[in-house]
N, C-alpha and C. Protein backbone atom coordinates (compact mmCIF):
# COMPACT_ATOMS: atom_id res chain seq x y z
N UNK A 1 126.17 92.44 83.82
CA UNK A 1 125.66 93.24 84.92
C UNK A 1 126.79 93.96 85.64
N UNK A 2 127.87 93.21 85.94
CA UNK A 2 129.00 93.78 86.66
C UNK A 2 129.60 94.94 85.87
N UNK A 3 129.76 94.74 84.55
CA UNK A 3 130.33 95.80 83.71
C UNK A 3 129.44 97.03 83.70
N UNK A 4 128.13 96.83 83.70
CA UNK A 4 127.20 97.96 83.71
C UNK A 4 127.31 98.75 85.01
N UNK A 5 127.46 98.06 86.13
CA UNK A 5 127.59 98.74 87.43
C UNK A 5 128.87 99.56 87.46
N UNK A 6 129.98 98.95 87.03
CA UNK A 6 131.26 99.66 87.03
C UNK A 6 131.21 100.86 86.09
N UNK A 7 130.61 100.70 84.91
CA UNK A 7 130.51 101.81 83.96
C UNK A 7 129.67 102.95 84.52
N UNK A 8 128.57 102.62 85.18
CA UNK A 8 127.70 103.65 85.76
C UNK A 8 128.43 104.41 86.87
N UNK A 9 129.16 103.68 87.70
CA UNK A 9 129.90 104.33 88.78
C UNK A 9 131.01 105.22 88.22
N UNK A 10 131.71 104.76 87.19
CA UNK A 10 132.78 105.56 86.58
C UNK A 10 132.21 106.83 85.97
N UNK A 11 131.06 106.74 85.30
CA UNK A 11 130.44 107.93 84.72
C UNK A 11 130.01 108.91 85.80
N UNK A 12 129.51 108.38 86.91
CA UNK A 12 129.11 109.26 88.02
C UNK A 12 130.29 110.04 88.56
N UNK A 13 131.43 109.37 88.72
CA UNK A 13 132.62 110.05 89.23
C UNK A 13 133.15 111.02 88.19
N UNK A 14 133.15 110.65 86.93
CA UNK A 14 133.65 111.54 85.88
C UNK A 14 132.81 112.81 85.77
N UNK A 15 131.55 112.73 86.16
CA UNK A 15 130.66 113.91 86.07
C UNK A 15 130.97 114.94 87.16
N UNK A 16 131.72 114.53 88.18
CA UNK A 16 132.07 115.45 89.26
C UNK A 16 133.27 116.27 88.82
N UNK A 17 133.06 117.55 88.56
CA UNK A 17 134.16 118.41 88.14
C UNK A 17 134.30 119.53 89.16
N UNK A 18 135.54 119.99 89.39
CA UNK A 18 135.71 121.07 90.34
C UNK A 18 135.05 122.34 89.85
N UNK A 19 134.52 123.11 90.78
CA UNK A 19 133.88 124.37 90.43
C UNK A 19 134.91 125.34 89.87
N UNK A 20 134.47 126.24 88.99
CA UNK A 20 135.37 127.17 88.34
C UNK A 20 135.73 128.37 89.18
N UNK A 21 134.96 128.69 90.17
CA UNK A 21 135.22 129.90 90.95
C UNK A 21 135.14 129.60 92.44
N UNK A 22 135.92 130.35 93.19
CA UNK A 22 135.90 130.22 94.64
C UNK A 22 134.61 130.82 95.16
N UNK A 23 133.95 130.12 96.07
CA UNK A 23 132.70 130.58 96.67
C UNK A 23 132.94 130.81 98.16
N UNK A 24 132.49 131.96 98.65
CA UNK A 24 132.61 132.27 100.07
C UNK A 24 131.20 132.41 100.64
N UNK A 25 130.91 131.63 101.67
CA UNK A 25 129.60 131.73 102.33
C UNK A 25 129.83 131.96 103.82
N UNK A 26 128.88 132.63 104.43
CA UNK A 26 128.94 132.90 105.86
C UNK A 26 127.69 132.38 106.53
N UNK A 27 127.86 131.95 107.76
CA UNK A 27 126.71 131.48 108.52
C UNK A 27 126.90 131.89 109.98
N UNK A 28 125.90 131.60 110.79
CA UNK A 28 125.94 131.98 112.20
C UNK A 28 127.09 131.31 112.93
N UNK A 29 127.46 131.87 114.04
CA UNK A 29 128.52 131.31 114.86
C UNK A 29 128.14 129.89 115.29
N UNK A 30 129.06 128.93 115.17
CA UNK A 30 128.76 127.55 115.59
C UNK A 30 128.43 127.48 117.08
N UNK A 31 127.77 126.43 117.48
CA UNK A 31 127.39 126.24 118.88
C UNK A 31 128.41 125.43 119.66
N UNK A 32 129.45 124.96 118.96
CA UNK A 32 130.48 124.14 119.58
C UNK A 32 131.85 124.69 119.18
N UNK A 33 132.77 124.75 120.14
CA UNK A 33 134.15 125.15 119.86
C UNK A 33 135.04 123.93 119.94
N UNK A 34 136.00 123.82 119.03
CA UNK A 34 136.98 122.73 119.11
C UNK A 34 138.36 123.26 118.76
N UNK A 35 139.38 122.55 119.21
CA UNK A 35 140.76 122.98 119.01
C UNK A 35 141.14 122.94 117.54
N UNK A 36 141.98 123.90 117.14
CA UNK A 36 142.53 123.92 115.79
C UNK A 36 143.68 122.93 115.71
N UNK A 37 143.96 122.41 114.51
CA UNK A 37 145.19 121.62 114.37
C UNK A 37 146.38 122.54 114.63
N UNK A 38 147.50 121.98 115.04
CA UNK A 38 148.69 122.80 115.25
C UNK A 38 149.29 123.14 113.88
N UNK A 39 149.77 124.36 113.74
CA UNK A 39 150.36 124.79 112.47
C UNK A 39 151.59 123.94 112.16
N UNK A 40 151.77 123.63 110.88
CA UNK A 40 152.95 122.86 110.46
C UNK A 40 154.19 123.74 110.45
N UNK A 41 154.01 125.04 110.19
CA UNK A 41 155.11 125.99 110.26
C UNK A 41 154.53 127.38 110.45
N UNK A 42 155.36 128.30 110.94
CA UNK A 42 154.90 129.67 111.10
C UNK A 42 156.08 130.62 111.15
N UNK A 43 155.78 131.90 110.86
CA UNK A 43 156.73 132.98 111.07
C UNK A 43 156.04 133.99 111.97
N UNK A 44 156.80 134.83 112.63
CA UNK A 44 156.19 135.82 113.51
C UNK A 44 155.77 135.18 114.82
N UNK A 45 154.60 135.58 115.32
CA UNK A 45 154.11 135.11 116.61
C UNK A 45 152.81 134.35 116.42
N UNK A 46 152.75 133.16 117.01
CA UNK A 46 151.51 132.38 116.94
C UNK A 46 151.11 131.99 118.36
N UNK A 47 149.83 132.09 118.64
CA UNK A 47 149.25 131.65 119.91
C UNK A 47 148.21 130.61 119.56
N UNK A 48 148.53 129.34 119.81
CA UNK A 48 147.64 128.27 119.38
C UNK A 48 146.77 127.76 120.51
N UNK A 49 145.49 127.68 120.23
CA UNK A 49 144.51 127.07 121.12
C UNK A 49 144.55 127.64 122.54
N UNK A 50 144.43 128.96 122.62
CA UNK A 50 144.36 129.63 123.91
C UNK A 50 142.90 129.87 124.27
N UNK A 51 142.63 130.06 125.55
CA UNK A 51 141.25 130.33 125.98
C UNK A 51 141.12 131.65 126.71
N UNK A 52 142.21 132.17 127.23
CA UNK A 52 142.16 133.39 128.02
C UNK A 52 142.68 134.56 127.20
N UNK A 53 141.79 135.49 126.80
CA UNK A 53 142.25 136.63 126.02
C UNK A 53 143.33 137.44 126.75
N UNK A 54 143.36 137.38 128.07
CA UNK A 54 144.37 138.11 128.83
C UNK A 54 145.78 137.59 128.59
N UNK A 55 145.89 136.31 128.17
CA UNK A 55 147.20 135.74 127.87
C UNK A 55 147.76 136.28 126.56
N UNK A 56 146.89 136.77 125.72
CA UNK A 56 147.28 137.27 124.41
C UNK A 56 146.77 138.71 124.28
N UNK A 57 147.46 139.67 124.89
CA UNK A 57 146.96 141.05 124.89
C UNK A 57 146.76 141.58 123.47
N UNK A 58 145.69 142.34 123.28
CA UNK A 58 145.42 142.95 121.99
C UNK A 58 144.77 142.03 120.99
N UNK A 59 144.47 140.82 121.36
CA UNK A 59 143.84 139.87 120.43
C UNK A 59 142.37 139.76 120.77
N UNK A 60 141.56 139.75 119.73
CA UNK A 60 140.12 139.68 119.90
C UNK A 60 139.64 138.26 119.63
N UNK A 61 139.14 137.59 120.63
CA UNK A 61 138.66 136.22 120.46
C UNK A 61 137.54 136.17 119.44
N UNK A 62 137.56 135.16 118.56
CA UNK A 62 136.46 135.02 117.61
C UNK A 62 135.13 134.68 118.28
N UNK A 63 135.18 134.32 119.55
CA UNK A 63 133.97 133.97 120.30
C UNK A 63 133.44 135.15 121.10
N UNK A 64 134.13 136.28 121.08
CA UNK A 64 133.74 137.44 121.87
C UNK A 64 132.28 137.82 121.63
N UNK A 65 131.54 138.02 122.72
CA UNK A 65 130.14 138.42 122.62
C UNK A 65 129.18 137.28 122.31
N UNK A 66 129.68 136.03 122.30
CA UNK A 66 128.80 134.89 122.04
C UNK A 66 128.76 134.01 123.30
N UNK A 67 127.91 133.01 123.25
CA UNK A 67 127.80 132.08 124.38
C UNK A 67 129.11 131.31 124.60
N UNK A 68 129.97 131.25 123.58
CA UNK A 68 131.22 130.51 123.68
C UNK A 68 132.40 131.40 124.05
N UNK A 69 132.13 132.63 124.53
CA UNK A 69 133.21 133.52 124.94
C UNK A 69 134.09 132.79 125.95
N UNK A 70 135.39 132.85 125.75
CA UNK A 70 136.31 132.14 126.61
C UNK A 70 136.69 130.76 126.08
N UNK A 71 136.13 130.39 124.91
CA UNK A 71 136.46 129.09 124.30
C UNK A 71 137.77 129.19 123.54
N UNK A 72 138.28 128.05 123.14
CA UNK A 72 139.58 127.93 122.50
C UNK A 72 139.62 128.63 121.13
N UNK A 73 140.74 129.33 120.86
CA UNK A 73 140.98 129.96 119.56
C UNK A 73 142.48 130.12 119.36
N UNK A 74 142.88 130.48 118.15
CA UNK A 74 144.28 130.73 117.84
C UNK A 74 144.42 132.11 117.22
N UNK A 75 145.64 132.67 117.27
CA UNK A 75 145.91 133.94 116.59
C UNK A 75 147.33 133.93 116.06
N UNK A 76 147.53 134.65 114.97
CA UNK A 76 148.84 134.71 114.32
C UNK A 76 149.13 136.15 113.92
N UNK A 77 150.35 136.58 114.13
CA UNK A 77 150.87 137.81 113.54
C UNK A 77 152.08 137.35 112.73
N UNK A 78 151.97 137.39 111.43
CA UNK A 78 152.98 136.83 110.53
C UNK A 78 152.28 135.84 109.61
N UNK A 79 152.77 134.59 109.57
CA UNK A 79 152.13 133.56 108.76
C UNK A 79 152.05 132.26 109.55
N UNK A 80 151.06 131.46 109.24
CA UNK A 80 150.94 130.10 109.78
C UNK A 80 150.48 129.20 108.64
N UNK A 81 151.17 128.09 108.44
CA UNK A 81 150.85 127.17 107.36
C UNK A 81 150.29 125.87 107.92
N UNK A 82 149.15 125.44 107.36
CA UNK A 82 148.52 124.18 107.71
C UNK A 82 148.56 123.29 106.47
N UNK A 83 149.16 122.10 106.60
CA UNK A 83 149.31 121.18 105.47
C UNK A 83 148.41 119.97 105.71
N UNK A 84 147.68 119.56 104.67
CA UNK A 84 146.76 118.42 104.77
C UNK A 84 147.36 117.21 104.06
N UNK A 85 146.94 116.02 104.47
CA UNK A 85 147.52 114.80 103.93
C UNK A 85 147.01 114.44 102.54
N UNK A 86 145.99 115.14 102.07
CA UNK A 86 145.45 114.90 100.73
C UNK A 86 144.75 116.17 100.25
N UNK A 87 144.33 116.17 99.00
CA UNK A 87 143.62 117.33 98.47
C UNK A 87 142.32 117.55 99.22
N UNK A 88 141.96 118.80 99.42
CA UNK A 88 140.70 119.19 100.06
C UNK A 88 139.94 120.10 99.11
N UNK A 89 138.62 120.20 99.32
CA UNK A 89 137.79 121.00 98.42
C UNK A 89 137.08 122.17 99.09
N UNK A 90 137.06 122.21 100.41
CA UNK A 90 136.47 123.35 101.10
C UNK A 90 137.15 123.55 102.44
N UNK A 91 137.07 124.78 102.93
CA UNK A 91 137.77 125.16 104.15
C UNK A 91 136.83 126.02 104.97
N UNK A 92 136.67 125.70 106.25
CA UNK A 92 135.78 126.45 107.13
C UNK A 92 136.54 126.90 108.37
N UNK A 93 136.13 128.04 108.90
CA UNK A 93 136.69 128.55 110.14
C UNK A 93 135.78 129.61 110.71
N UNK A 94 135.95 129.90 111.99
CA UNK A 94 135.31 131.06 112.59
C UNK A 94 136.37 132.15 112.52
N UNK A 95 136.10 133.20 111.76
CA UNK A 95 137.06 134.28 111.52
C UNK A 95 136.70 135.40 112.47
N UNK A 96 137.58 135.65 113.44
CA UNK A 96 137.30 136.60 114.51
C UNK A 96 136.88 137.98 114.04
N UNK A 97 137.70 138.61 113.25
CA UNK A 97 137.34 139.89 112.63
C UNK A 97 138.10 139.95 111.32
N UNK A 98 137.42 139.77 110.21
CA UNK A 98 138.10 139.70 108.91
C UNK A 98 138.65 141.07 108.50
N UNK A 99 139.80 141.42 109.04
CA UNK A 99 140.42 142.71 108.77
C UNK A 99 141.07 142.74 107.39
N UNK A 100 141.27 143.93 106.87
CA UNK A 100 141.83 144.09 105.53
C UNK A 100 143.28 143.60 105.46
N UNK A 101 143.98 143.49 106.58
CA UNK A 101 145.37 143.03 106.57
C UNK A 101 145.50 141.52 106.81
N UNK A 102 144.38 140.79 106.83
CA UNK A 102 144.39 139.34 106.98
C UNK A 102 144.01 138.68 105.67
N UNK A 103 144.65 137.55 105.36
CA UNK A 103 144.27 136.80 104.16
C UNK A 103 144.56 135.32 104.34
N UNK A 104 143.92 134.52 103.51
CA UNK A 104 144.16 133.09 103.43
C UNK A 104 144.69 132.80 102.04
N UNK A 105 145.77 132.05 101.95
CA UNK A 105 146.33 131.64 100.67
C UNK A 105 146.22 130.13 100.56
N UNK A 106 145.61 129.66 99.47
CA UNK A 106 145.40 128.23 99.25
C UNK A 106 146.38 127.73 98.19
N UNK A 107 147.07 126.63 98.52
CA UNK A 107 148.07 126.05 97.62
C UNK A 107 147.72 124.62 97.27
N UNK A 108 148.02 124.25 96.02
CA UNK A 108 147.99 122.86 95.57
C UNK A 108 149.43 122.56 95.20
N UNK A 109 150.13 121.85 96.07
CA UNK A 109 151.58 121.69 95.90
C UNK A 109 152.23 123.05 96.12
N UNK A 110 153.04 123.48 95.17
CA UNK A 110 153.69 124.79 95.26
C UNK A 110 152.93 125.87 94.50
N UNK A 111 151.77 125.54 93.96
CA UNK A 111 151.01 126.47 93.14
C UNK A 111 149.93 127.17 93.96
N UNK A 112 149.97 128.49 93.97
CA UNK A 112 148.93 129.27 94.64
C UNK A 112 147.67 129.19 93.79
N UNK A 113 146.57 128.67 94.36
CA UNK A 113 145.33 128.52 93.60
C UNK A 113 144.30 129.59 93.94
N UNK A 114 144.40 130.21 95.12
CA UNK A 114 143.44 131.26 95.48
C UNK A 114 143.95 132.03 96.70
N UNK A 115 143.58 133.29 96.76
CA UNK A 115 143.82 134.13 97.93
C UNK A 115 142.49 134.76 98.32
N UNK A 116 142.13 134.64 99.59
CA UNK A 116 140.90 135.25 100.09
C UNK A 116 141.32 136.33 101.08
N UNK A 117 140.98 137.56 100.77
CA UNK A 117 141.32 138.70 101.61
C UNK A 117 140.26 138.93 102.67
N UNK A 118 140.68 139.36 103.84
CA UNK A 118 139.72 139.69 104.90
C UNK A 118 138.73 140.73 104.42
N UNK A 119 139.18 141.67 103.58
CA UNK A 119 138.29 142.71 103.08
C UNK A 119 137.19 142.14 102.19
N UNK A 120 137.41 140.95 101.60
CA UNK A 120 136.35 140.34 100.78
C UNK A 120 135.30 139.66 101.63
N UNK A 121 135.61 139.46 102.92
CA UNK A 121 134.64 138.85 103.83
C UNK A 121 133.73 139.90 104.43
N UNK A 122 134.31 140.96 104.96
CA UNK A 122 133.46 141.94 105.62
C UNK A 122 133.99 143.35 105.60
N UNK A 123 134.99 143.62 104.77
CA UNK A 123 135.55 144.96 104.74
C UNK A 123 136.47 145.18 105.92
N UNK A 124 137.05 146.32 105.99
CA UNK A 124 137.99 146.63 107.06
C UNK A 124 137.36 146.46 108.42
N UNK A 125 138.05 145.78 109.24
CA UNK A 125 137.70 145.54 110.65
C UNK A 125 136.54 144.58 110.82
N UNK A 126 135.76 144.30 109.80
CA UNK A 126 134.78 143.24 109.80
C UNK A 126 133.83 143.19 110.97
N UNK A 127 133.59 144.31 111.65
CA UNK A 127 132.76 144.24 112.84
C UNK A 127 131.35 143.76 112.54
N UNK A 128 130.88 143.97 111.32
CA UNK A 128 129.54 143.50 110.98
C UNK A 128 129.47 142.00 110.78
N UNK A 129 130.60 141.34 110.59
CA UNK A 129 130.59 139.89 110.39
C UNK A 129 131.48 139.17 111.40
N UNK A 130 131.94 139.87 112.40
CA UNK A 130 132.79 139.23 113.39
C UNK A 130 132.08 138.03 113.99
N UNK A 131 132.86 137.00 114.27
CA UNK A 131 132.37 135.78 114.89
C UNK A 131 131.51 134.92 113.98
N UNK A 132 131.48 135.20 112.69
CA UNK A 132 130.68 134.34 111.82
C UNK A 132 131.54 133.20 111.31
N UNK A 133 130.86 132.14 110.94
CA UNK A 133 131.53 130.99 110.35
C UNK A 133 131.67 131.27 108.86
N UNK A 134 132.88 131.10 108.34
CA UNK A 134 133.16 131.37 106.93
C UNK A 134 133.55 130.07 106.27
N UNK A 135 132.95 129.77 105.12
CA UNK A 135 133.28 128.57 104.35
C UNK A 135 133.74 129.01 102.96
N UNK A 136 134.91 128.51 102.57
CA UNK A 136 135.48 128.81 101.26
C UNK A 136 135.50 127.51 100.48
N UNK A 137 134.87 127.49 99.32
CA UNK A 137 134.79 126.26 98.52
C UNK A 137 135.00 126.58 97.05
N UNK A 138 135.01 125.54 96.23
CA UNK A 138 135.19 125.72 94.79
C UNK A 138 136.65 125.70 94.38
N UNK A 139 137.50 125.04 95.15
CA UNK A 139 138.92 124.95 94.83
C UNK A 139 139.47 123.64 95.36
N UNK A 140 140.65 123.25 94.87
CA UNK A 140 141.32 122.06 95.39
C UNK A 140 142.68 122.49 95.92
N UNK A 141 142.99 122.11 97.16
CA UNK A 141 144.20 122.58 97.81
C UNK A 141 144.71 121.51 98.77
N UNK A 142 146.00 121.61 99.10
CA UNK A 142 146.55 120.70 100.11
C UNK A 142 147.24 121.46 101.24
N UNK A 143 147.26 122.79 101.16
CA UNK A 143 147.77 123.58 102.29
C UNK A 143 147.13 124.97 102.27
N UNK A 144 147.05 125.56 103.46
CA UNK A 144 146.49 126.90 103.62
C UNK A 144 147.48 127.71 104.45
N UNK A 145 147.75 128.94 103.99
CA UNK A 145 148.63 129.83 104.73
C UNK A 145 147.80 131.01 105.23
N UNK A 146 147.80 131.20 106.56
CA UNK A 146 147.17 132.35 107.18
C UNK A 146 148.21 133.47 107.16
N UNK A 147 147.83 134.64 106.68
CA UNK A 147 148.75 135.77 106.60
C UNK A 147 148.14 136.95 107.35
N UNK A 148 148.93 137.58 108.22
CA UNK A 148 148.44 138.73 108.96
C UNK A 148 149.51 139.79 109.10
N UNK A 149 149.08 141.02 108.90
CA UNK A 149 149.94 142.15 109.22
C UNK A 149 149.83 142.38 110.72
N UNK A 150 149.54 143.57 111.12
CA UNK A 150 149.37 143.82 112.55
C UNK A 150 147.94 144.23 112.81
N UNK A 151 147.36 143.97 113.94
CA UNK A 151 147.95 143.25 115.04
C UNK A 151 147.86 141.73 114.91
N UNK A 152 146.76 141.16 114.36
CA UNK A 152 146.69 139.70 114.33
C UNK A 152 145.52 139.20 113.50
N UNK A 153 145.55 137.89 113.27
CA UNK A 153 144.48 137.15 112.61
C UNK A 153 144.00 136.16 113.66
N UNK A 154 142.76 136.31 114.15
CA UNK A 154 142.20 135.42 115.17
C UNK A 154 141.20 134.47 114.51
N UNK A 155 141.27 133.19 114.89
CA UNK A 155 140.41 132.20 114.23
C UNK A 155 140.18 131.00 115.15
N UNK A 156 139.15 130.23 114.80
CA UNK A 156 138.80 129.03 115.56
C UNK A 156 138.12 128.03 114.63
N UNK A 157 137.98 126.81 115.09
CA UNK A 157 137.20 125.76 114.41
C UNK A 157 137.62 125.50 112.95
N UNK A 158 138.91 125.37 112.70
CA UNK A 158 139.38 125.06 111.35
C UNK A 158 138.92 123.66 110.95
N UNK A 159 138.37 123.53 109.74
CA UNK A 159 138.08 122.21 109.18
C UNK A 159 138.19 122.28 107.66
N UNK A 160 138.58 121.18 107.05
CA UNK A 160 138.75 121.12 105.59
C UNK A 160 138.15 119.81 105.08
N UNK A 161 137.30 119.91 104.06
CA UNK A 161 136.58 118.74 103.54
C UNK A 161 137.40 117.99 102.49
N UNK A 162 137.31 116.66 102.54
CA UNK A 162 137.95 115.79 101.55
C UNK A 162 137.06 115.77 100.30
N UNK A 163 137.66 115.72 99.09
CA UNK A 163 136.86 115.72 97.87
C UNK A 163 135.92 114.51 97.77
N UNK A 164 134.82 114.71 97.12
CA UNK A 164 133.82 113.66 96.92
C UNK A 164 134.35 112.46 96.14
N UNK A 165 135.21 112.61 95.13
CA UNK A 165 135.66 111.42 94.40
C UNK A 165 136.30 110.35 95.29
N UNK A 166 136.87 110.72 96.41
CA UNK A 166 137.43 109.71 97.31
C UNK A 166 136.32 108.77 97.78
N UNK A 167 135.15 109.32 98.04
CA UNK A 167 133.99 108.50 98.40
C UNK A 167 133.51 107.68 97.22
N UNK A 168 133.67 108.22 96.02
CA UNK A 168 133.28 107.51 94.81
C UNK A 168 134.06 106.23 94.62
N UNK A 169 135.35 106.26 94.95
CA UNK A 169 136.17 105.06 94.83
C UNK A 169 135.69 103.99 95.81
N UNK A 170 135.27 104.42 96.99
CA UNK A 170 134.70 103.46 97.95
C UNK A 170 133.41 102.86 97.40
N UNK A 171 132.62 103.69 96.74
CA UNK A 171 131.37 103.20 96.14
C UNK A 171 131.66 102.14 95.08
N UNK A 172 132.63 102.39 94.22
CA UNK A 172 132.98 101.42 93.18
C UNK A 172 133.42 100.11 93.81
N UNK A 173 134.27 100.20 94.84
CA UNK A 173 134.74 98.99 95.51
C UNK A 173 133.60 98.20 96.12
N UNK A 174 132.67 98.90 96.77
CA UNK A 174 131.52 98.24 97.38
C UNK A 174 130.63 97.58 96.35
N UNK A 175 130.36 98.30 95.25
CA UNK A 175 129.52 97.73 94.20
C UNK A 175 130.19 96.52 93.55
N UNK A 176 131.50 96.61 93.34
CA UNK A 176 132.22 95.47 92.76
C UNK A 176 132.15 94.26 93.69
N UNK A 177 132.28 94.50 95.00
CA UNK A 177 132.18 93.41 95.96
C UNK A 177 130.80 92.77 95.95
N UNK A 178 129.75 93.60 95.88
CA UNK A 178 128.39 93.05 95.82
C UNK A 178 128.17 92.24 94.55
N UNK A 179 128.67 92.77 93.43
CA UNK A 179 128.52 92.04 92.16
C UNK A 179 129.26 90.71 92.21
N UNK A 180 130.45 90.68 92.81
CA UNK A 180 131.21 89.44 92.91
C UNK A 180 130.47 88.43 93.79
N UNK A 181 129.89 88.89 94.90
CA UNK A 181 129.12 87.98 95.76
C UNK A 181 127.90 87.42 95.03
N UNK A 182 127.25 88.30 94.27
CA UNK A 182 126.06 87.84 93.55
C UNK A 182 126.44 86.80 92.49
N UNK A 183 127.54 87.07 91.78
CA UNK A 183 127.99 86.14 90.74
C UNK A 183 128.38 84.80 91.37
N UNK A 184 129.04 84.83 92.52
CA UNK A 184 129.46 83.63 93.21
C UNK A 184 128.26 82.81 93.68
N UNK A 185 127.24 83.54 94.18
CA UNK A 185 126.01 82.90 94.67
C UNK A 185 125.25 82.22 93.53
N UNK A 186 125.26 82.87 92.35
CA UNK A 186 124.54 82.34 91.19
C UNK A 186 125.23 81.08 90.62
N UNK A 187 126.53 80.97 90.84
CA UNK A 187 127.27 79.83 90.26
C UNK A 187 127.12 78.56 91.02
């Protein structure tokens, strides 16, 4: 019985394969604002977790025109790198205005695995999709580099999902523990 449980769990995890293509989805502006993690490194100018657009002249808050106007956001002119402690499979953010001079670069170690251009989100100046939540999935990465020409890349609510197989290992451990308890009880 124990071997059957372990084999079934291993097959379930083996069936999980990374998607072959990057998928970009958009949804409505979130109803909650939260602080971004601080960048691990940057070049140029970065304004992290500001709330007053007046403090950052020329920057357009990703919350502009929404109920969360005046909420926390960050902006970069240059580059900002965010490094995660393990591989991630999806990345979400509120992208203020996906301009053609803004991009996200996803790395797995030192290998560039994908680049998402602002123009692929909403075209130049992105006014038709400003303030939308953007989710990028179908890749495995451990760091993201925000790249902006002028004037800036404005964003909020950064989050990155941990891959499902990490949960699978917890499942195997739990099932093994239950099988061991059952075997002990039967003896």
